[in-house]
Amino acid sequence: MLKHLRKEGFIIGHYRVRRLMARLYLKVMLRRAYNATTLRKHTHAVAENLVNQDFNPKEANQVWAGDITYLRTHEG
């Protein structure tokens, strides 16, 4: 918040920002650091490449793709 206010041209200090934020009931929300969750073992079998980079199939329902990386699990 302090950096944004100074960028806007305000001359303001840390303590004043803290006091104003408390008065306005504003809280800082920290983002979580990126955590790589893929634990790949090189001994696992690799699926065969059936698409061969041809992403324009001739007919419907010939090629399907999906991504499940957004699913949250207990393991991370």
Protein backbone atom coordinates (compact mmCIF):
# COMPACT_ATOMS: atom_id res chain seq x y z
CA MET A 1 0.00 0.00 0.00
CA LEU A 2 2.83 2.38 0.89
CA LYS A 3 4.49 1.90 -2.50
CA HIS A 4 1.25 2.55 -4.35
CA LEU A 5 0.55 5.72 -2.38
CA ARG A 6 4.07 7.02 -2.95
CA LYS A 7 3.77 6.22 -6.65
CA GLU A 8 0.59 8.33 -6.71
CA GLY A 9 2.60 11.24 -5.29
CA PHE A 10 1.71 11.11 -1.60
CA ILE A 11 4.46 11.76 0.93
CA ILE A 12 3.55 9.23 3.60
CA GLY A 13 5.26 6.93 6.09
CA HIS A 14 4.77 3.35 7.25
CA TYR A 15 3.10 4.21 10.53
CA ARG A 16 0.58 6.59 8.98
CA VAL A 17 -0.37 3.99 6.39
CA ARG A 18 -0.80 1.42 9.16
CA ARG A 19 -2.98 3.81 11.20
CA LEU A 20 -5.14 4.77 8.21
CA MET A 21 -5.60 1.15 7.19
CA ALA A 22 -6.67 0.24 10.73
CA ARG A 23 -9.17 3.10 10.76
CA LEU A 24 -10.63 1.91 7.43
CA TYR A 25 -10.60 -1.76 8.53
CA LEU A 26 -8.23 -2.73 5.68
CA LYS A 27 -6.05 -5.79 6.04
CA VAL A 28 -3.08 -6.92 4.01
CA MET A 29 -3.63 -10.22 2.22
CA LEU A 30 -0.36 -11.92 1.37
CA ARG A 31 -0.19 -14.20 -1.63
CA ARG A 32 1.17 -17.66 -1.07
CA ALA A 33 4.48 -18.33 -2.70
CA TYR A 34 4.35 -20.66 -5.70
CA ASN A 35 4.90 -24.25 -4.71
CA ALA A 36 5.74 -26.83 -7.35
CA THR A 37 3.43 -29.77 -6.67
CA THR A 38 4.49 -32.16 -9.40
CA LEU A 39 6.52 -34.98 -7.93
CA ARG A 40 7.49 -36.93 -11.02
CA LYS A 41 9.37 -40.16 -10.71
CA HIS A 42 11.42 -41.03 -13.75
CA THR A 43 10.69 -44.70 -13.22
CA HIS A 44 6.97 -44.20 -14.03
CA ALA A 45 5.79 -45.19 -17.47
CA VAL A 46 5.17 -42.37 -19.95
CA ALA A 47 1.91 -42.48 -21.92
CA GLU A 48 2.16 -42.97 -25.65
CA ASN A 49 1.80 -39.81 -27.78
CA LEU A 50 -1.34 -40.61 -29.75
CA VAL A 51 -2.01 -37.05 -30.93
CA ASN A 52 1.43 -36.47 -32.51
CA GLN A 53 0.93 -32.68 -32.31
CA ASP A 54 -2.09 -32.86 -34.66
CA PHE A 55 -4.56 -30.69 -32.76
CA ASN A 56 -7.04 -30.39 -35.66
CA PRO A 57 -8.73 -33.79 -35.88
CA LYS A 58 -10.70 -34.72 -39.00
CA GLU A 59 -13.87 -35.74 -37.10
CA ALA A 60 -15.54 -34.98 -33.80
CA ASN A 61 -14.59 -37.03 -30.71
CA GLN A 62 -11.28 -38.15 -32.18
CA VAL A 63 -9.04 -36.28 -29.72
CA TRP A 64 -9.87 -35.32 -26.15
CA ALA A 65 -7.66 -33.41 -23.75
CA GLY A 66 -7.98 -32.16 -20.21
CA ASP A 67 -6.06 -30.60 -17.39
CA ILE A 68 -6.54 -31.51 -13.74
CA THR A 69 -3.72 -29.43 -12.29
CA TYR A 70 -6.25 -27.14 -10.60
CA LEU A 71 -7.66 -29.90 -8.38
CA ARG A 72 -6.62 -29.47 -4.77
CA THR A 73 -5.67 -32.65 -2.90
CA HIS A 74 -4.45 -33.41 0.61
CA GLU A 75 -1.01 -34.20 -0.80
CA GLY A 76 -0.69 -30.76 -2.43
